[in-house]
């Protein structure tokens, strides 16, 4: 990735294929939160790219559905 994403941007970790929300950087590595929640993982900045529009749409819909099932708005 050419520059650091903004907090909340949906990104893809090409090393693992996982998609999540960028939450910050620590010691030169990016922290990414899974779309469905759970523990954050670390990724090398070179392995992180913006999610495609289709991946973003799917991830955002999945997050809304998960929040709905938990009774959150």
N, C-alpha and C. Protein backbone atom coordinates (compact mmCIF):
# COMPACT_ATOMS: atom_id res chain seq x y z
N UNK A 1 0.86 -1.17 0.00
CA UNK A 1 0.00 0.00 0.00
C UNK A 1 0.90 1.23 0.00
N UNK A 2 0.58 2.20 -0.84
CA UNK A 2 1.44 3.37 -0.99
C UNK A 2 1.44 4.25 0.24
N UNK A 3 0.29 4.47 0.84
CA UNK A 3 0.21 5.30 2.03
C UNK A 3 -0.65 4.60 3.07
N UNK A 4 -0.53 5.08 4.29
CA UNK A 4 -1.30 4.46 5.37
C UNK A 4 -2.79 4.75 5.18
N UNK A 5 -3.63 3.73 5.31
CA UNK A 5 -5.08 3.97 5.18
C UNK A 5 -5.59 4.80 6.34
N UNK A 6 -6.80 5.27 6.22
CA UNK A 6 -7.46 6.01 7.30
C UNK A 6 -8.13 5.01 8.23
N UNK A 7 -8.19 5.34 9.51
CA UNK A 7 -8.87 4.47 10.47
C UNK A 7 -10.30 4.25 10.00
N UNK A 8 -10.71 2.98 9.96
CA UNK A 8 -12.05 2.62 9.52
C UNK A 8 -12.11 2.17 8.07
N UNK A 9 -11.03 2.41 7.30
CA UNK A 9 -11.01 1.95 5.91
C UNK A 9 -11.01 0.42 5.87
N UNK A 10 -11.74 -0.11 4.92
CA UNK A 10 -11.75 -1.56 4.71
C UNK A 10 -10.56 -1.91 3.84
N UNK A 11 -9.77 -2.87 4.31
CA UNK A 11 -8.56 -3.26 3.60
C UNK A 11 -8.48 -4.77 3.48
N UNK A 12 -7.62 -5.22 2.58
CA UNK A 12 -7.39 -6.65 2.39
C UNK A 12 -5.92 -6.93 2.66
N UNK A 13 -5.68 -7.94 3.47
CA UNK A 13 -4.33 -8.42 3.75
C UNK A 13 -4.03 -9.49 2.70
N UNK A 14 -3.20 -9.15 1.73
CA UNK A 14 -2.95 -10.08 0.63
C UNK A 14 -2.16 -11.31 1.07
N UNK A 15 -1.45 -11.23 2.19
CA UNK A 15 -0.70 -12.38 2.68
C UNK A 15 -1.63 -13.47 3.20
N UNK A 16 -2.77 -13.07 3.74
CA UNK A 16 -3.71 -14.04 4.32
C UNK A 16 -5.02 -14.12 3.55
N UNK A 17 -5.33 -13.10 2.75
CA UNK A 17 -6.60 -13.05 2.04
C UNK A 17 -7.74 -12.52 2.89
N UNK A 18 -7.44 -12.15 4.13
CA UNK A 18 -8.48 -11.66 5.04
C UNK A 18 -8.81 -10.20 4.76
N UNK A 19 -10.05 -9.83 5.05
CA UNK A 19 -10.53 -8.46 4.88
C UNK A 19 -10.95 -7.95 6.25
N UNK A 20 -10.60 -6.71 6.54
CA UNK A 20 -10.98 -6.13 7.81
C UNK A 20 -10.84 -4.62 7.79
N UNK A 21 -11.12 -4.01 8.94
CA UNK A 21 -11.06 -2.56 9.07
C UNK A 21 -9.72 -2.15 9.68
N UNK A 22 -9.08 -1.20 9.04
CA UNK A 22 -7.81 -0.68 9.53
C UNK A 22 -8.06 0.09 10.83
N UNK A 23 -7.27 -0.21 11.87
CA UNK A 23 -7.46 0.48 13.15
C UNK A 23 -6.23 1.25 13.61
N UNK A 24 -5.10 1.08 12.94
CA UNK A 24 -3.91 1.83 13.32
C UNK A 24 -2.65 1.07 12.99
N UNK A 25 -1.54 1.64 13.44
CA UNK A 25 -0.24 1.01 13.19
C UNK A 25 0.56 0.99 14.49
N UNK A 26 1.30 -0.09 14.66
CA UNK A 26 2.17 -0.24 15.83
C UNK A 26 3.48 -0.86 15.36
N UNK A 27 4.58 -0.23 15.71
CA UNK A 27 5.91 -0.75 15.39
C UNK A 27 6.06 -1.09 13.91
N UNK A 28 5.50 -0.24 13.05
CA UNK A 28 5.66 -0.44 11.62
C UNK A 28 4.74 -1.47 10.98
N UNK A 29 3.81 -2.00 11.75
CA UNK A 29 2.86 -2.99 11.21
C UNK A 29 1.46 -2.43 11.36
N UNK A 30 0.58 -2.79 10.42
CA UNK A 30 -0.80 -2.34 10.46
C UNK A 30 -1.63 -3.28 11.32
N UNK A 31 -2.56 -2.71 12.07
CA UNK A 31 -3.51 -3.49 12.86
C UNK A 31 -4.84 -3.48 12.13
N UNK A 32 -5.42 -4.66 11.96
CA UNK A 32 -6.67 -4.81 11.22
C UNK A 32 -7.67 -5.58 12.07
N UNK A 33 -8.90 -5.06 12.15
CA UNK A 33 -9.97 -5.71 12.92
C UNK A 33 -10.84 -6.50 11.96
N UNK A 34 -11.10 -7.75 12.26
CA UNK A 34 -11.97 -8.55 11.40
C UNK A 34 -13.35 -7.91 11.26
N UNK A 35 -13.97 -8.09 10.13
CA UNK A 35 -15.29 -7.53 9.86
C UNK A 35 -16.31 -7.99 10.89
N UNK A 36 -16.27 -9.26 11.27
CA UNK A 36 -17.25 -9.81 12.22
C UNK A 36 -16.81 -9.65 13.66
N UNK A 37 -15.79 -8.87 13.91
CA UNK A 37 -15.28 -8.70 15.27
C UNK A 37 -14.24 -9.76 15.59
N UNK A 38 -13.75 -9.73 16.78
CA UNK A 38 -12.72 -10.67 17.18
C UNK A 38 -11.38 -9.96 17.30
N UNK A 39 -10.36 -10.72 17.62
CA UNK A 39 -9.05 -10.10 17.85
C UNK A 39 -8.46 -9.52 16.56
N UNK A 40 -7.81 -8.39 16.73
CA UNK A 40 -7.13 -7.76 15.60
C UNK A 40 -5.92 -8.60 15.21
N UNK A 41 -5.50 -8.44 13.97
CA UNK A 41 -4.26 -9.09 13.55
C UNK A 41 -3.33 -8.04 12.98
N UNK A 42 -2.06 -8.37 12.92
CA UNK A 42 -1.05 -7.48 12.39
C UNK A 42 -0.71 -7.88 10.96
N UNK A 43 -0.43 -6.89 10.13
CA UNK A 43 -0.06 -7.15 8.74
C UNK A 43 1.07 -6.23 8.34
N UNK A 44 1.89 -6.70 7.44
CA UNK A 44 2.94 -5.87 6.87
C UNK A 44 2.28 -4.84 5.96
N UNK A 45 2.68 -3.58 6.05
CA UNK A 45 2.08 -2.56 5.18
C UNK A 45 2.13 -2.91 3.69
N UNK A 46 3.18 -3.56 3.25
CA UNK A 46 3.31 -3.92 1.84
C UNK A 46 2.27 -4.96 1.42
N UNK A 47 1.70 -5.69 2.39
CA UNK A 47 0.70 -6.73 2.10
C UNK A 47 -0.73 -6.21 2.17
N UNK A 48 -0.90 -4.93 2.49
CA UNK A 48 -2.25 -4.39 2.69
C UNK A 48 -2.64 -3.50 1.52
N UNK A 49 -3.83 -3.74 1.01
CA UNK A 49 -4.36 -2.92 -0.09
C UNK A 49 -5.81 -2.59 0.19
N UNK A 50 -6.31 -1.52 -0.43
CA UNK A 50 -7.74 -1.21 -0.24
C UNK A 50 -8.59 -2.37 -0.75
N UNK A 51 -9.69 -2.61 -0.08
CA UNK A 51 -10.61 -3.66 -0.52
C UNK A 51 -11.31 -3.20 -1.79
N UNK A 52 -11.61 -4.15 -2.66
CA UNK A 52 -12.35 -3.82 -3.88
C UNK A 52 -13.76 -3.39 -3.49
N UNK A 53 -14.44 -2.65 -4.35
CA UNK A 53 -15.81 -2.22 -4.02
C UNK A 53 -16.73 -3.40 -3.69
N UNK A 54 -16.60 -4.52 -4.40
CA UNK A 54 -17.47 -5.67 -4.11
C UNK A 54 -17.14 -6.26 -2.75
N UNK A 55 -15.86 -6.39 -2.43
CA UNK A 55 -15.48 -6.90 -1.10
C UNK A 55 -15.97 -5.96 -0.01
N UNK A 56 -15.86 -4.66 -0.27
CA UNK A 56 -16.30 -3.70 0.73
C UNK A 56 -17.81 -3.81 0.95
N UNK A 57 -18.56 -3.92 -0.11
CA UNK A 57 -20.01 -4.06 0.00
C UNK A 57 -20.37 -5.30 0.81
N UNK A 58 -19.74 -6.42 0.49
CA UNK A 58 -20.02 -7.67 1.22
C UNK A 58 -19.65 -7.54 2.70
N UNK A 59 -18.49 -6.94 2.96
CA UNK A 59 -18.03 -6.81 4.35
C UNK A 59 -18.93 -5.89 5.15
N UNK A 60 -19.32 -4.78 4.56
CA UNK A 60 -20.19 -3.84 5.28
C UNK A 60 -21.57 -4.47 5.54
N UNK A 61 -22.10 -5.20 4.57
CA UNK A 61 -23.39 -5.88 4.77
C UNK A 61 -23.27 -6.94 5.86
N UNK A 62 -22.15 -7.67 5.87
CA UNK A 62 -21.94 -8.69 6.90
C UNK A 62 -21.84 -8.05 8.28
N UNK A 63 -21.18 -6.90 8.37
CA UNK A 63 -21.06 -6.23 9.66
C UNK A 63 -22.43 -5.75 10.14
N UNK A 64 -23.23 -5.19 9.26
CA UNK A 64 -24.57 -4.73 9.63
C UNK A 64 -25.42 -5.91 10.09
N UNK A 65 -25.36 -7.02 9.38
CA UNK A 65 -26.12 -8.21 9.76
C UNK A 65 -25.68 -8.75 11.11
N UNK A 66 -24.37 -8.78 11.34
CA UNK A 66 -23.85 -9.28 12.62
C UNK A 66 -24.32 -8.38 13.77
N UNK A 67 -24.25 -7.07 13.56
CA UNK A 67 -24.70 -6.15 14.61
C UNK A 67 -26.19 -6.32 14.88
N UNK A 68 -26.96 -6.54 13.83
CA UNK A 68 -28.40 -6.74 13.98
C UNK A 68 -28.70 -7.98 14.80
N UNK A 69 -27.97 -9.06 14.54
CA UNK A 69 -28.17 -10.30 15.29
C UNK A 69 -27.82 -10.13 16.77
N UNK A 70 -26.90 -9.21 17.06
CA UNK A 70 -26.51 -8.96 18.46
C UNK A 70 -27.40 -7.91 19.11
N UNK A 71 -28.36 -7.36 18.35
CA UNK A 71 -29.27 -6.35 18.91
C UNK A 71 -28.68 -4.98 18.96
N UNK A 72 -27.64 -4.73 18.16
CA UNK A 72 -27.02 -3.40 18.11
C UNK A 72 -27.51 -2.69 16.86
N UNK A 73 -27.46 -1.36 16.89
CA UNK A 73 -27.87 -0.64 15.68
C UNK A 73 -26.69 -0.03 14.98
